[in-house]
Amino acid sequence: PKKSDLYYDLVDIYLKQNQYDKALATLDNIDTIFGKDEAVATT
């Protein structure tokens, strides 16, 4: 759970499959675990 790359990889996978809710939930996890981030906000 501490490997930040995995979260970003999953967001990419979800976006390719148009699974926007899963992508958003994963972005929320990134914010919670690693703090707010401009790339996350943009995505």
PDB file of all heavy atoms in Angstrom:
ATOM      1  N   PRO A   1       0.797  -1.238   0.000  1.00  0.00           N
ATOM      2  CA  PRO A   1       0.000   0.000   0.000  1.00  0.00           C
ATOM      3  C   PRO A   1       0.829   1.287   0.000  1.00  0.00           C
ATOM      4  O   PRO A   1       0.277   2.356  -0.249  1.00  0.00           O
ATOM      5  CB  PRO A   1      -0.837  -0.125   1.282  1.00  0.00           C
ATOM      6  CG  PRO A   1      -0.094  -1.071   2.144  1.00  0.00           C
ATOM      7  CD  PRO A   1       0.624  -2.017   1.221  1.00  0.00           C
ATOM      8  N   LYS A   2       2.118   1.219   0.253  1.00  0.00           N
ATOM      9  CA  LYS A   2       2.951   2.433   0.303  1.00  0.00           C
ATOM     10  C   LYS A   2       3.617   2.742  -1.035  1.00  0.00           C
ATOM     11  O   LYS A   2       4.318   3.734  -1.167  1.00  0.00           O
ATOM     12  CB  LYS A   2       4.041   2.279   1.373  1.00  0.00           C
ATOM     13  CG  LYS A   2       3.485   2.124   2.786  1.00  0.00           C
ATOM     14  CD  LYS A   2       3.172   3.478   3.415  1.00  0.00           C
ATOM     15  CE  LYS A   2       2.603   3.357   4.799  1.00  0.00           C
ATOM     16  NZ  LYS A   2       1.123   3.419   4.798  1.00  0.00           N
ATOM     17  N   LYS A   3       3.416   1.898  -2.050  1.00  0.00           N
ATOM     18  CA  LYS A   3       4.050   2.117  -3.351  1.00  0.00           C
ATOM     19  C   LYS A   3       3.191   3.071  -4.183  1.00  0.00           C
ATOM     20  O   LYS A   3       2.212   2.664  -4.792  1.00  0.00           O
ATOM     21  CB  LYS A   3       4.235   0.791  -4.086  1.00  0.00           C
ATOM     22  CG  LYS A   3       5.472   0.048  -3.658  1.00  0.00           C
ATOM     23  CD  LYS A   3       6.152  -0.516  -4.887  1.00  0.00           C
ATOM     24  CE  LYS A   3       7.530  -1.010  -4.619  1.00  0.00           C
ATOM     25  NZ  LYS A   3       8.568  -0.001  -4.800  1.00  0.00           N
ATOM     26  N   SER A   4       3.580   4.325  -4.230  1.00  0.00           N
ATOM     27  CA  SER A   4       2.742   5.335  -4.894  1.00  0.00           C
ATOM     28  C   SER A   4       2.566   5.063  -6.389  1.00  0.00           C
ATOM     29  O   SER A   4       1.516   5.359  -6.946  1.00  0.00           O
ATOM     30  CB  SER A   4       3.319   6.725  -4.669  1.00  0.00           C
ATOM     31  OG  SER A   4       4.634   6.803  -5.175  1.00  0.00           O
ATOM     32  N   ASP A   5       3.576   4.490  -7.050  1.00  0.00           N
ATOM     33  CA  ASP A   5       3.471   4.206  -8.494  1.00  0.00           C
ATOM     34  C   ASP A   5       2.231   3.387  -8.812  1.00  0.00           C
ATOM     35  O   ASP A   5       1.595   3.587  -9.845  1.00  0.00           O
ATOM     36  CB  ASP A   5       4.682   3.401  -8.987  1.00  0.00           C
ATOM     37  CG  ASP A   5       5.980   4.156  -8.870  1.00  0.00           C
ATOM     38  OD1 ASP A   5       5.977   5.281  -8.325  1.00  0.00           O
ATOM     39  OD2 ASP A   5       7.010   3.622  -9.319  1.00  0.00           O
ATOM     40  N   LEU A   6       1.922   2.445  -7.944  1.00  0.00           N
ATOM     41  CA  LEU A   6       0.787   1.551  -8.180  1.00  0.00           C
ATOM     42  C   LEU A   6      -0.515   2.319  -8.313  1.00  0.00           C
ATOM     43  O   LEU A   6      -1.351   1.983  -9.152  1.00  0.00           O
ATOM     44  CB  LEU A   6       0.660   0.538  -7.038  1.00  0.00           C
ATOM     45  CG  LEU A   6       1.711  -0.557  -6.996  1.00  0.00           C
ATOM     46  CD1 LEU A   6       1.581  -1.363  -5.720  1.00  0.00           C
ATOM     47  CD2 LEU A   6       1.576  -1.454  -8.219  1.00  0.00           C
ATOM     48  N   TYR A   7      -0.682   3.341  -7.485  1.00  0.00           N
ATOM     49  CA  TYR A   7      -1.915   4.130  -7.531  1.00  0.00           C
ATOM     50  C   TYR A   7      -2.043   4.814  -8.893  1.00  0.00           C
ATOM     51  O   TYR A   7      -3.104   4.810  -9.505  1.00  0.00           O
ATOM     52  CB  TYR A   7      -1.931   5.172  -6.414  1.00  0.00           C
ATOM     53  CG  TYR A   7      -2.013   4.574  -5.031  1.00  0.00           C
ATOM     54  CD1 TYR A   7      -0.873   4.197  -4.340  1.00  0.00           C
ATOM     55  CD2 TYR A   7      -3.247   4.381  -4.415  1.00  0.00           C
ATOM     56  CE1 TYR A   7      -0.948   3.647  -3.064  1.00  0.00           C
ATOM     57  CE2 TYR A   7      -3.338   3.830  -3.140  1.00  0.00           C
ATOM     58  CZ  TYR A   7      -2.186   3.469  -2.467  1.00  0.00           C
ATOM     59  OH  TYR A   7      -2.266   2.914  -1.220  1.00  0.00           O
ATOM     60  N   TYR A   8      -0.936   5.380  -9.350  1.00  0.00           N
ATOM     61  CA  TYR A   8      -0.959   6.082 -10.638  1.00  0.00           C
ATOM     62  C   TYR A   8      -1.180   5.102 -11.793  1.00  0.00           C
ATOM     63  O   TYR A   8      -1.926   5.398 -12.736  1.00  0.00           O
ATOM     64  CB  TYR A   8       0.321   6.887 -10.831  1.00  0.00           C
ATOM     65  CG  TYR A   8       0.448   8.023  -9.848  1.00  0.00           C
ATOM     66  CD1 TYR A   8       1.260   7.914  -8.723  1.00  0.00           C
ATOM     67  CD2 TYR A   8      -0.281   9.201 -10.017  1.00  0.00           C
ATOM     68  CE1 TYR A   8       1.362   8.959  -7.803  1.00  0.00           C
ATOM     69  CE2 TYR A   8      -0.186  10.253  -9.104  1.00  0.00           C
ATOM     70  CZ  TYR A   8       0.637  10.111  -7.999  1.00  0.00           C
ATOM     71  OH  TYR A   8       0.725  11.141  -7.099  1.00  0.00           O
ATOM     72  N   ASP A   9      -0.549   3.908 -11.695  1.00  0.00           N
ATOM     73  CA  ASP A   9      -0.764   2.883 -12.723  1.00  0.00           C
ATOM     74  C   ASP A   9      -2.232   2.497 -12.783  1.00  0.00           C
ATOM     75  O   ASP A   9      -2.814   2.364 -13.867  1.00  0.00           O
ATOM     76  CB  ASP A   9       0.082   1.626 -12.432  1.00  0.00           C
ATOM     77  CG  ASP A   9       1.581   1.869 -12.622  1.00  0.00           C
ATOM     78  OD1 ASP A   9       1.949   2.843 -13.323  1.00  0.00           O
ATOM     79  OD2 ASP A   9       2.370   1.088 -12.064  1.00  0.00           O
ATOM     80  N   LEU A  10      -2.838   2.318 -11.606  1.00  0.00           N
ATOM     81  CA  LEU A  10      -4.253   1.940 -11.559  1.00  0.00           C
ATOM     82  C   LEU A  10      -5.147   3.035 -12.125  1.00  0.00           C
ATOM     83  O   LEU A  10      -6.095   2.735 -12.856  1.00  0.00           O
ATOM     84  CB  LEU A  10      -4.667   1.632 -10.115  1.00  0.00           C
ATOM     85  CG  LEU A  10      -4.763   0.161  -9.758  1.00  0.00           C
ATOM     86  CD1 LEU A  10      -5.077  -0.009  -8.282  1.00  0.00           C
ATOM     87  CD2 LEU A  10      -5.796  -0.573 -10.599  1.00  0.00           C
ATOM     88  N   VAL A  11      -4.840   4.287 -11.802  1.00  0.00           N
ATOM     89  CA  VAL A  11      -5.629   5.401 -12.354  1.00  0.00           C
ATOM     90  C   VAL A  11      -5.587   5.335 -13.882  1.00  0.00           C
ATOM     91  O   VAL A  11      -6.626   5.435 -14.547  1.00  0.00           O
ATOM     92  CB  VAL A  11      -5.135   6.774 -11.837  1.00  0.00           C
ATOM     93  CG1 VAL A  11      -5.778   7.913 -12.625  1.00  0.00           C
ATOM     94  CG2 VAL A  11      -5.430   6.917 -10.353  1.00  0.00           C
ATOM     95  N   ASP A  12      -4.391   5.114 -14.450  1.00  0.00           N
ATOM     96  CA  ASP A  12      -4.257   5.009 -15.914  1.00  0.00           C
ATOM     97  C   ASP A  12      -5.113   3.879 -16.470  1.00  0.00           C
ATOM     98  O   ASP A  12      -5.802   4.043 -17.477  1.00  0.00           O
ATOM     99  CB  ASP A  12      -2.800   4.754 -16.312  1.00  0.00           C
ATOM    100  CG  ASP A  12      -1.934   5.991 -16.190  1.00  0.00           C
ATOM    101  OD1 ASP A  12      -2.501   7.113 -16.107  1.00  0.00           O
ATOM    102  OD2 ASP A  12      -0.703   5.847 -16.166  1.00  0.00           O
ATOM    103  N   ILE A  13      -5.041   2.723 -15.797  1.00  0.00           N
ATOM    104  CA  ILE A  13      -5.810   1.562 -16.253  1.00  0.00           C
ATOM    105  C   ILE A  13      -7.299   1.861 -16.207  1.00  0.00           C
ATOM    106  O   ILE A  13      -8.035   1.587 -17.163  1.00  0.00           O
ATOM    107  CB  ILE A  13      -5.474   0.328 -15.386  1.00  0.00           C
ATOM    108  CG1 ILE A  13      -4.033  -0.130 -15.689  1.00  0.00           C
ATOM    109  CG2 ILE A  13      -6.458  -0.808 -15.633  1.00  0.00           C
ATOM    110  CD1 ILE A  13      -3.464  -1.068 -14.641  1.00  0.00           C
ATOM    111  N   TYR A  14      -7.767   2.454 -15.102  1.00  0.00           N
ATOM    112  CA  TYR A  14      -9.185   2.785 -14.970  1.00  0.00           C
ATOM    113  C   TYR A  14      -9.608   3.783 -16.048  1.00  0.00           C
ATOM    114  O   TYR A  14     -10.684   3.656 -16.630  1.00  0.00           O
ATOM    115  CB  TYR A  14      -9.493   3.354 -13.583  1.00  0.00           C
ATOM    116  CG  TYR A  14      -9.350   2.365 -12.451  1.00  0.00           C
ATOM    117  CD1 TYR A  14      -8.915   2.781 -11.199  1.00  0.00           C
ATOM    118  CD2 TYR A  14      -9.662   1.018 -12.607  1.00  0.00           C
ATOM    119  CE1 TYR A  14      -8.798   1.879 -10.139  1.00  0.00           C
ATOM    120  CE2 TYR A  14      -9.542   0.114 -11.560  1.00  0.00           C
ATOM    121  CZ  TYR A  14      -9.112   0.549 -10.326  1.00  0.00           C
ATOM    122  OH  TYR A  14      -8.995  -0.318  -9.291  1.00  0.00           O
ATOM    123  N   LEU A  15      -8.770   4.778 -16.309  1.00  0.00           N
ATOM    124  CA  LEU A  15      -9.129   5.790 -17.310  1.00  0.00           C
ATOM    125  C   LEU A  15      -9.236   5.165 -18.700  1.00  0.00           C
ATOM    126  O   LEU A  15     -10.151   5.501 -19.458  1.00  0.00           O
ATOM    127  CB  LEU A  15      -8.106   6.935 -17.311  1.00  0.00           C
ATOM    128  CG  LEU A  15      -8.135   7.832 -16.071  1.00  0.00           C
ATOM    129  CD1 LEU A  15      -7.043   8.887 -16.157  1.00  0.00           C
ATOM    130  CD2 LEU A  15      -9.505   8.478 -15.888  1.00  0.00           C
ATOM    131  N   LYS A  16      -8.313   4.243 -19.039  1.00  0.00           N
ATOM    132  CA  LYS A  16      -8.365   3.584 -20.348  1.00  0.00           C
ATOM    133  C   LYS A  16      -9.669   2.809 -20.510  1.00  0.00           C
ATOM    134  O   LYS A  16     -10.130   2.614 -21.626  1.00  0.00           O
ATOM    135  CB  LYS A  16      -7.174   2.633 -20.519  1.00  0.00           C
ATOM    136  CG  LYS A  16      -5.886   3.347 -20.866  1.00  0.00           C
ATOM    137  CD  LYS A  16      -4.749   2.366 -21.072  1.00  0.00           C
ATOM    138  CE  LYS A  16      -3.433   3.114 -21.211  1.00  0.00           C
ATOM    139  NZ  LYS A  16      -2.340   2.487 -20.476  1.00  0.00           N
ATOM    140  N   GLN A  17     -10.230   2.356 -19.394  1.00  0.00           N
ATOM    141  CA  GLN A  17     -11.467   1.567 -19.442  1.00  0.00           C
ATOM    142  C   GLN A  17     -12.694   2.424 -19.131  1.00  0.00           C
ATOM    143  O   GLN A  17     -13.782   1.892 -18.922  1.00  0.00           O
ATOM    144  CB  GLN A  17     -11.378   0.414 -18.444  1.00  0.00           C
ATOM    145  CG  GLN A  17     -10.244  -0.541 -18.736  1.00  0.00           C
ATOM    146  CD  GLN A  17     -10.164  -1.645 -17.696  1.00  0.00           C
ATOM    147  OE1 GLN A  17     -11.182  -2.251 -17.357  1.00  0.00           O
ATOM    148  NE2 GLN A  17      -8.987  -1.900 -17.183  1.00  0.00           N
ATOM    149  N   ASN A  18     -12.503   3.748 -19.082  1.00  0.00           N
ATOM    150  CA  ASN A  18     -13.594   4.686 -18.768  1.00  0.00           C
ATOM    151  C   ASN A  18     -14.254   4.387 -17.422  1.00  0.00           C
ATOM    152  O   ASN A  18     -15.445   4.656 -17.237  1.00  0.00           O
ATOM    153  CB  ASN A  18     -14.653   4.688 -19.888  1.00  0.00           C
ATOM    154  CG  ASN A  18     -14.056   5.089 -21.212  1.00  0.00           C
ATOM    155  OD1 ASN A  18     -13.160   5.922 -21.273  1.00  0.00           O
ATOM    156  ND2 ASN A  18     -14.524   4.479 -22.278  1.00  0.00           N
ATOM    157  N   GLN A  19     -13.476   3.850 -16.481  1.00  0.00           N
ATOM    158  CA  GLN A  19     -14.000   3.584 -15.129  1.00  0.00           C
ATOM    159  C   GLN A  19     -13.665   4.796 -14.252  1.00  0.00           C
ATOM    160  O   GLN A  19     -12.794   4.743 -13.395  1.00  0.00           O
ATOM    161  CB  GLN A  19     -13.370   2.307 -14.559  1.00  0.00           C
ATOM    162  CG  GLN A  19     -13.732   1.063 -15.335  1.00  0.00           C
ATOM    163  CD  GLN A  19     -13.220  -0.194 -14.651  1.00  0.00           C
ATOM    164  OE1 GLN A  19     -13.185  -0.276 -13.429  1.00  0.00           O
ATOM    165  NE2 GLN A  19     -12.829  -1.166 -15.440  1.00  0.00           N
ATOM    166  N   TYR A  20     -14.404   5.880 -14.517  1.00  0.00           N
ATOM    167  CA  TYR A  20     -14.064   7.168 -13.893  1.00  0.00           C
ATOM    168  C   TYR A  20     -14.247   7.159 -12.377  1.00  0.00           C
ATOM    169  O   TYR A  20     -13.465   7.764 -11.657  1.00  0.00           O
ATOM    170  CB  TYR A  20     -14.877   8.291 -14.533  1.00  0.00           C
ATOM    171  CG  TYR A  20     -14.578   8.445 -16.008  1.00  0.00           C
ATOM    172  CD1 TYR A  20     -15.576   8.315 -16.967  1.00  0.00           C
ATOM    173  CD2 TYR A  20     -13.269   8.698 -16.441  1.00  0.00           C
ATOM    174  CE1 TYR A  20     -15.288   8.444 -18.318  1.00  0.00           C
ATOM    175  CE2 TYR A  20     -12.980   8.818 -17.794  1.00  0.00           C
ATOM    176  CZ  TYR A  20     -13.989   8.695 -18.720  1.00  0.00           C
ATOM    177  OH  TYR A  20     -13.698   8.816 -20.044  1.00  0.00           O
ATOM    178  N   ASP A  21     -15.284   6.462 -11.893  1.00  0.00           N
ATOM    179  CA  ASP A  21     -15.518   6.447 -10.441  1.00  0.00           C
ATOM    180  C   ASP A  21     -14.368   5.752  -9.711  1.00  0.00           C
ATOM    181  O   ASP A  21     -13.912   6.223  -8.665  1.00  0.00           O
ATOM    182  CB  ASP A  21     -16.862   5.785 -10.120  1.00  0.00           C
ATOM    183  CG  ASP A  21     -18.033   6.627 -10.634  1.00  0.00           C
ATOM    184  OD1 ASP A  21     -17.834   7.848 -10.828  1.00  0.00           O
ATOM    185  OD2 ASP A  21     -19.117   6.067 -10.866  1.00  0.00           O
ATOM    186  N   LYS A  22     -13.897   4.634 -10.280  1.00  0.00           N
ATOM    187  CA  LYS A  22     -12.756   3.932  -9.680  1.00  0.00           C
ATOM    188  C   LYS A  22     -11.506   4.820  -9.723  1.00  0.00           C
ATOM    189  O   LYS A  22     -10.727   4.842  -8.777  1.00  0.00           O
ATOM    190  CB  LYS A  22     -12.474   2.613 -10.410  1.00  0.00           C
ATOM    191  CG  LYS A  22     -13.369   1.460 -10.011  1.00  0.00           C
ATOM    192  CD  LYS A  22     -12.889   0.175 -10.683  1.00  0.00           C
ATOM    193  CE  LYS A  22     -13.668  -1.035 -10.202  1.00  0.00           C
ATOM    194  NZ  LYS A  22     -13.161  -2.283 -10.832  1.00  0.00           N
ATOM    195  N   ALA A  23     -11.329   5.526 -10.835  1.00  0.00           N
ATOM    196  CA  ALA A  23     -10.176   6.420 -10.973  1.00  0.00           C
ATOM    197  C   ALA A  23     -10.232   7.517  -9.909  1.00  0.00           C
ATOM    198  O   ALA A  23      -9.225   7.814  -9.252  1.00  0.00           O
ATOM    199  CB  ALA A  23     -10.124   7.025 -12.374  1.00  0.00           C
ATOM    200  N   LEU A  24     -11.410   8.100  -9.728  1.00  0.00           N
ATOM    201  CA  LEU A  24     -11.574   9.173  -8.734  1.00  0.00           C
ATOM    202  C   LEU A  24     -11.326   8.654  -7.315  1.00  0.00           C
ATOM    203  O   LEU A  24     -10.670   9.323  -6.513  1.00  0.00           O
ATOM    204  CB  LEU A  24     -12.978   9.788  -8.837  1.00  0.00           C
ATOM    205  CG  LEU A  24     -13.218  10.650 -10.088  1.00  0.00           C
ATOM    206  CD1 LEU A  24     -14.700  10.948 -10.243  1.00  0.00           C
ATOM    207  CD2 LEU A  24     -12.402  11.937 -10.022  1.00  0.00           C
ATOM    208  N   ALA A  25     -11.831   7.463  -7.019  1.00  0.00           N
ATOM    209  CA  ALA A  25     -11.619   6.873  -5.689  1.00  0.00           C
ATOM    210  C   ALA A  25     -10.127   6.652  -5.438  1.00  0.00           C
ATOM    211  O   ALA A  25      -9.621   6.907  -4.336  1.00  0.00           O
ATOM    212  CB  ALA A  25     -12.386   5.558  -5.569  1.00  0.00           C
ATOM    213  N   THR A  26      -9.418   6.217  -6.473  1.00  0.00           N
ATOM    214  CA  THR A  26      -7.976   5.991  -6.343  1.00  0.00           C
ATOM    215  C   THR A  26      -7.246   7.313  -6.145  1.00  0.00           C
ATOM    216  O   THR A  26      -6.304   7.401  -5.342  1.00  0.00           O
ATOM    217  CB  THR A  26      -7.449   5.231  -7.582  1.00  0.00           C
ATOM    218  OG1 THR A  26      -8.226   4.046  -7.757  1.00  0.00           O
ATOM    219  CG2 THR A  26      -5.986   4.852  -7.400  1.00  0.00           C
ATOM    220  N   LEU A  27      -7.683   8.355  -6.847  1.00  0.00           N
ATOM    221  CA  LEU A  27      -7.093   9.694  -6.660  1.00  0.00           C
ATOM    222  C   LEU A  27      -7.316  10.177  -5.228  1.00  0.00           C
ATOM    223  O   LEU A  27      -6.427  10.790  -4.621  1.00  0.00           O
ATOM    224  CB  LEU A  27      -7.682  10.681  -7.669  1.00  0.00           C
ATOM    225  CG  LEU A  27      -7.288  10.450  -9.130  1.00  0.00           C
ATOM    226  CD1 LEU A  27      -8.092  11.364 -10.053  1.00  0.00           C
ATOM    227  CD2 LEU A  27      -5.793  10.654  -9.343  1.00  0.00           C
ATOM    228  N   ASP A  28      -8.515   9.894  -4.683  1.00  0.00           N
ATOM    229  CA  ASP A  28      -8.797  10.257  -3.279  1.00  0.00           C
ATOM    230  C   ASP A  28      -7.805   9.554  -2.350  1.00  0.00           C
ATOM    231  O   ASP A  28      -7.299  10.154  -1.397  1.00  0.00           O
ATOM    232  CB  ASP A  28     -10.225   9.869  -2.886  1.00  0.00           C
ATOM    233  CG  ASP A  28     -11.271  10.751  -3.578  1.00  0.00           C
ATOM    234  OD1 ASP A  28     -10.888  11.836  -4.069  1.00  0.00           O
ATOM    235  OD2 ASP A  28     -12.437  10.343  -3.631  1.00  0.00           O
ATOM    236  N   ASN A  29      -7.532   8.271  -2.640  1.00  0.00           N
ATOM    237  CA  ASN A  29      -6.555   7.517  -1.834  1.00  0.00           C
ATOM    238  C   ASN A  29      -5.175   8.162  -1.890  1.00  0.00           C
ATOM    239  O   ASN A  29      -4.489   8.258  -0.878  1.00  0.00           O
ATOM    240  CB  ASN A  29      -6.453   6.064  -2.303  1.00  0.00           C
ATOM    241  CG  ASN A  29      -7.668   5.249  -1.928  1.00  0.00           C
ATOM    242  OD1 ASN A  29      -8.394   5.591  -1.006  1.00  0.00           O
ATOM    243  ND2 ASN A  29      -7.897   4.178  -2.656  1.00  0.00           N
ATOM    244  N   ILE A  30      -4.779   8.602  -3.082  1.00  0.00           N
ATOM    245  CA  ILE A  30      -3.474   9.251  -3.237  1.00  0.00           C
ATOM    246  C   ILE A  30      -3.416  10.496  -2.350  1.00  0.00           C
ATOM    247  O   ILE A  30      -2.452  10.696  -1.614  1.00  0.00           O
ATOM    248  CB  ILE A  30      -3.193   9.620  -4.717  1.00  0.00           C
ATOM    249  CG1 ILE A  30      -3.054   8.346  -5.566  1.00  0.00           C
ATOM    250  CG2 ILE A  30      -1.928  10.481  -4.819  1.00  0.00           C
ATOM    251  CD1 ILE A  30      -2.979   8.599  -7.061  1.00  0.00           C
ATOM    252  N   ASP A  31      -4.482  11.321  -2.408  1.00  0.00           N
ATOM    253  CA  ASP A  31      -4.543  12.528  -1.571  1.00  0.00           C
ATOM    254  C   ASP A  31      -4.434  12.178  -0.094  1.00  0.00           C
ATOM    255  O   ASP A  31      -3.705  12.824   0.663  1.00  0.00           O
ATOM    256  CB  ASP A  31      -5.864  13.279  -1.805  1.00  0.00           C
ATOM    257  CG  ASP A  31      -5.834  14.120  -3.074  1.00  0.00           C
ATOM    258  OD1 ASP A  31      -4.733  14.325  -3.629  1.00  0.00           O
ATOM    259  OD2 ASP A  31      -6.908  14.567  -3.505  1.00  0.00           O
ATOM    260  N   THR A  32      -5.181  11.155   0.320  1.00  0.00           N
ATOM    261  CA  THR A  32      -5.221  10.760   1.730  1.00  0.00           C
ATOM    262  C   THR A  32      -3.862  10.231   2.199  1.00  0.00           C
ATOM    263  O   THR A  32      -3.367  10.634   3.255  1.00  0.00           O
ATOM    264  CB  THR A  32      -6.294   9.660   1.948  1.00  0.00           C
ATOM    265  OG1 THR A  32      -7.532  10.157   1.452  1.00  0.00           O
ATOM    266  CG2 THR A  32      -6.426   9.318   3.414  1.00  0.00           C
ATOM    267  N   ILE A  33      -3.268   9.357   1.402  1.00  0.00           N
ATOM    268  CA  ILE A  33      -2.044   8.672   1.845  1.00  0.00           C
ATOM    269  C   ILE A  33      -0.799   9.530   1.646  1.00  0.00           C
ATOM    270  O   ILE A  33       0.056   9.597   2.512  1.00  0.00           O
ATOM    271  CB  ILE A  33      -1.888   7.333   1.100  1.00  0.00           C
ATOM    272  CG1 ILE A  33      -3.074   6.421   1.415  1.00  0.00           C
ATOM    273  CG2 ILE A  33      -0.576   6.643   1.484  1.00  0.00           C
ATOM    274  CD1 ILE A  33      -3.176   5.209   0.514  1.00  0.00           C
ATOM    275  N   PHE A  34      -0.723  10.205   0.500  1.00  0.00           N
ATOM    276  CA  PHE A  34       0.523  10.892   0.135  1.00  0.00           C
ATOM    277  C   PHE A  34       0.409  12.414   0.170  1.00  0.00           C
ATOM    278  O   PHE A  34       1.374  13.114  -0.079  1.00  0.00           O
ATOM    279  CB  PHE A  34       0.982  10.446  -1.261  1.00  0.00           C
ATOM    280  CG  PHE A  34       1.160   8.960  -1.381  1.00  0.00           C
ATOM    281  CD1 PHE A  34       0.211   8.186  -2.029  1.00  0.00           C
ATOM    282  CD2 PHE A  34       2.258   8.325  -0.817  1.00  0.00           C
ATOM    283  CE1 PHE A  34       0.360   6.805  -2.127  1.00  0.00           C
ATOM    284  CE2 PHE A  34       2.424   6.954  -0.909  1.00  0.00           C
ATOM    285  CZ  PHE A  34       1.465   6.194  -1.566  1.00  0.00           C
ATOM    286  N   GLY A  35      -0.793  12.937   0.465  1.00  0.00           N
ATOM    287  CA  GLY A  35      -0.973  14.382   0.487  1.00  0.00           C
ATOM    288  C   GLY A  35      -1.445  14.913  -0.855  1.00  0.00           C
ATOM    289  O   GLY A  35      -1.363  14.227  -1.868  1.00  0.00           O
ATOM    290  N   LYS A  36      -1.937  16.142  -0.843  1.00  0.00           N
ATOM    291  CA  LYS A  36      -2.455  16.766  -2.073  1.00  0.00           C
ATOM    292  C   LYS A  36      -1.317  16.938  -3.068  1.00  0.00           C
ATOM    293  O   LYS A  36      -0.171  17.149  -2.699  1.00  0.00           O
ATOM    294  CB  LYS A  36      -3.076  18.130  -1.758  1.00  0.00           C
ATOM    295  CG  LYS A  36      -4.253  18.031  -0.796  1.00  0.00           C
ATOM    296  CD  LYS A  36      -5.571  18.009  -1.546  1.00  0.00           C
ATOM    297  CE  LYS A  36      -6.749  18.049  -0.589  1.00  0.00           C
ATOM    298  NZ  LYS A  36      -7.717  16.997  -0.833  1.00  0.00           N
ATOM    299  N   ASP A  37      -1.705  16.874  -4.346  1.00  0.00           N
ATOM    300  CA  ASP A  37      -0.701  16.859  -5.403  1.00  0.00           C
ATOM    301  C   ASP A  37      -1.318  17.517  -6.636  1.00  0.00           C
ATOM    302  O   ASP A  37      -2.476  17.249  -6.966  1.00  0.00           O
ATOM    303  CB  ASP A  37      -0.353  15.380  -5.644  1.00  0.00           C
ATOM    304  CG  ASP A  37       0.553  15.148  -6.824  1.00  0.00           C
ATOM    305  OD1 ASP A  37       0.153  15.482  -7.955  1.00  0.00           O
ATOM    306  OD2 ASP A  37       1.647  14.616  -6.617  1.00  0.00           O
ATOM    307  N   GLU A  38      -0.554  18.351  -7.308  1.00  0.00           N
ATOM    308  CA  GLU A  38      -1.098  19.102  -8.454  1.00  0.00           C
ATOM    309  C   GLU A  38      -1.497  18.172  -9.599  1.00  0.00           C
ATOM    310  O   GLU A  38      -2.531  18.369 -10.236  1.00  0.00           O
ATOM    311  CB  GLU A  38      -0.050  20.111  -8.950  1.00  0.00           C
ATOM    312  CG  GLU A  38      -0.651  21.141  -9.892  1.00  0.00           C
ATOM    313  CD  GLU A  38       0.349  22.217 -10.279  1.00  0.00           C
ATOM    314  OE1 GLU A  38       1.147  22.619  -9.415  1.00  0.00           O
ATOM    315  OE2 GLU A  38       0.331  22.631 -11.444  1.00  0.00           O
ATOM    316  N   ALA A  39      -0.680  17.129  -9.840  1.00  0.00           N
ATOM    317  CA  ALA A  39      -0.990  16.181 -10.923  1.00  0.00           C
ATOM    318  C   ALA A  39      -2.321  15.485 -10.659  1.00  0.00           C
ATOM    319  O   ALA A  39      -3.120  15.267 -11.569  1.00  0.00           O
ATOM    320  CB  ALA A  39       0.135  15.152 -11.059  1.00  0.00           C
ATOM    321  N   VAL A  40      -2.570  15.151  -9.399  1.00  0.00           N
ATOM    322  CA  VAL A  40      -3.828  14.500  -9.016  1.00  0.00           C
ATOM    323  C   VAL A  40      -4.994  15.454  -9.261  1.00  0.00           C
ATOM    324  O   VAL A  40      -6.021  15.066  -9.823  1.00  0.00           O
ATOM    325  CB  VAL A  40      -3.778  14.036  -7.541  1.00  0.00           C
ATOM    326  CG1 VAL A  40      -5.146  13.572  -7.074  1.00  0.00           C
ATOM    327  CG2 VAL A  40      -2.748  12.926  -7.368  1.00  0.00           C
ATOM    328  N   ALA A  41      -4.830  16.693  -8.848  1.00  0.00           N
ATOM    329  CA  ALA A  41      -5.884  17.690  -9.044  1.00  0.00           C
ATOM    330  C   ALA A  41      -6.188  17.867 -10.532  1.00  0.00           C
ATOM    331  O   ALA A  41      -7.355  17.928 -10.933  1.00  0.00           O
ATOM    332  CB  ALA A  41      -5.465  19.025  -8.415  1.00  0.00           C
ATOM    333  N   THR A  42      -5.165  17.923 -11.346  1.00  0.00           N
ATOM    334  CA  THR A  42      -5.335  18.072 -12.801  1.00  0.00           C
ATOM    335  C   THR A  42      -6.085  16.879 -13.386  1.00  0.00           C
ATOM    336  O   THR A  42      -7.009  17.054 -14.187  1.00  0.00           O
ATOM    337  CB  THR A  42      -3.955  18.202 -13.486  1.00  0.00           C
ATOM    338  OG1 THR A  42      -3.250  19.280 -12.877  1.00  0.00           O
ATOM    339  CG2 THR A  42      -4.085  18.463 -14.971  1.00  0.00           C
ATOM    340  N   THR A  43      -5.682  15.677 -12.976  1.00  0.00           N
ATOM    341  CA  THR A  43      -6.339  14.467 -13.476  1.00  0.00           C
ATOM    342  C   THR A  43      -7.806  14.439 -13.065  1.00  0.00           C
ATOM    343  O   THR A  43      -8.689  14.144 -13.873  1.00  0.00           O
ATOM    344  CB  THR A  43      -5.625  13.201 -12.953  1.00  0.00           C
ATOM    345  OG1 THR A  43      -4.238  13.290 -13.292  1.00  0.00           O
ATOM    346  CG2 THR A  43      -6.213  11.936 -13.552  1.00  0.00           C
TER     347      THR A  43
END
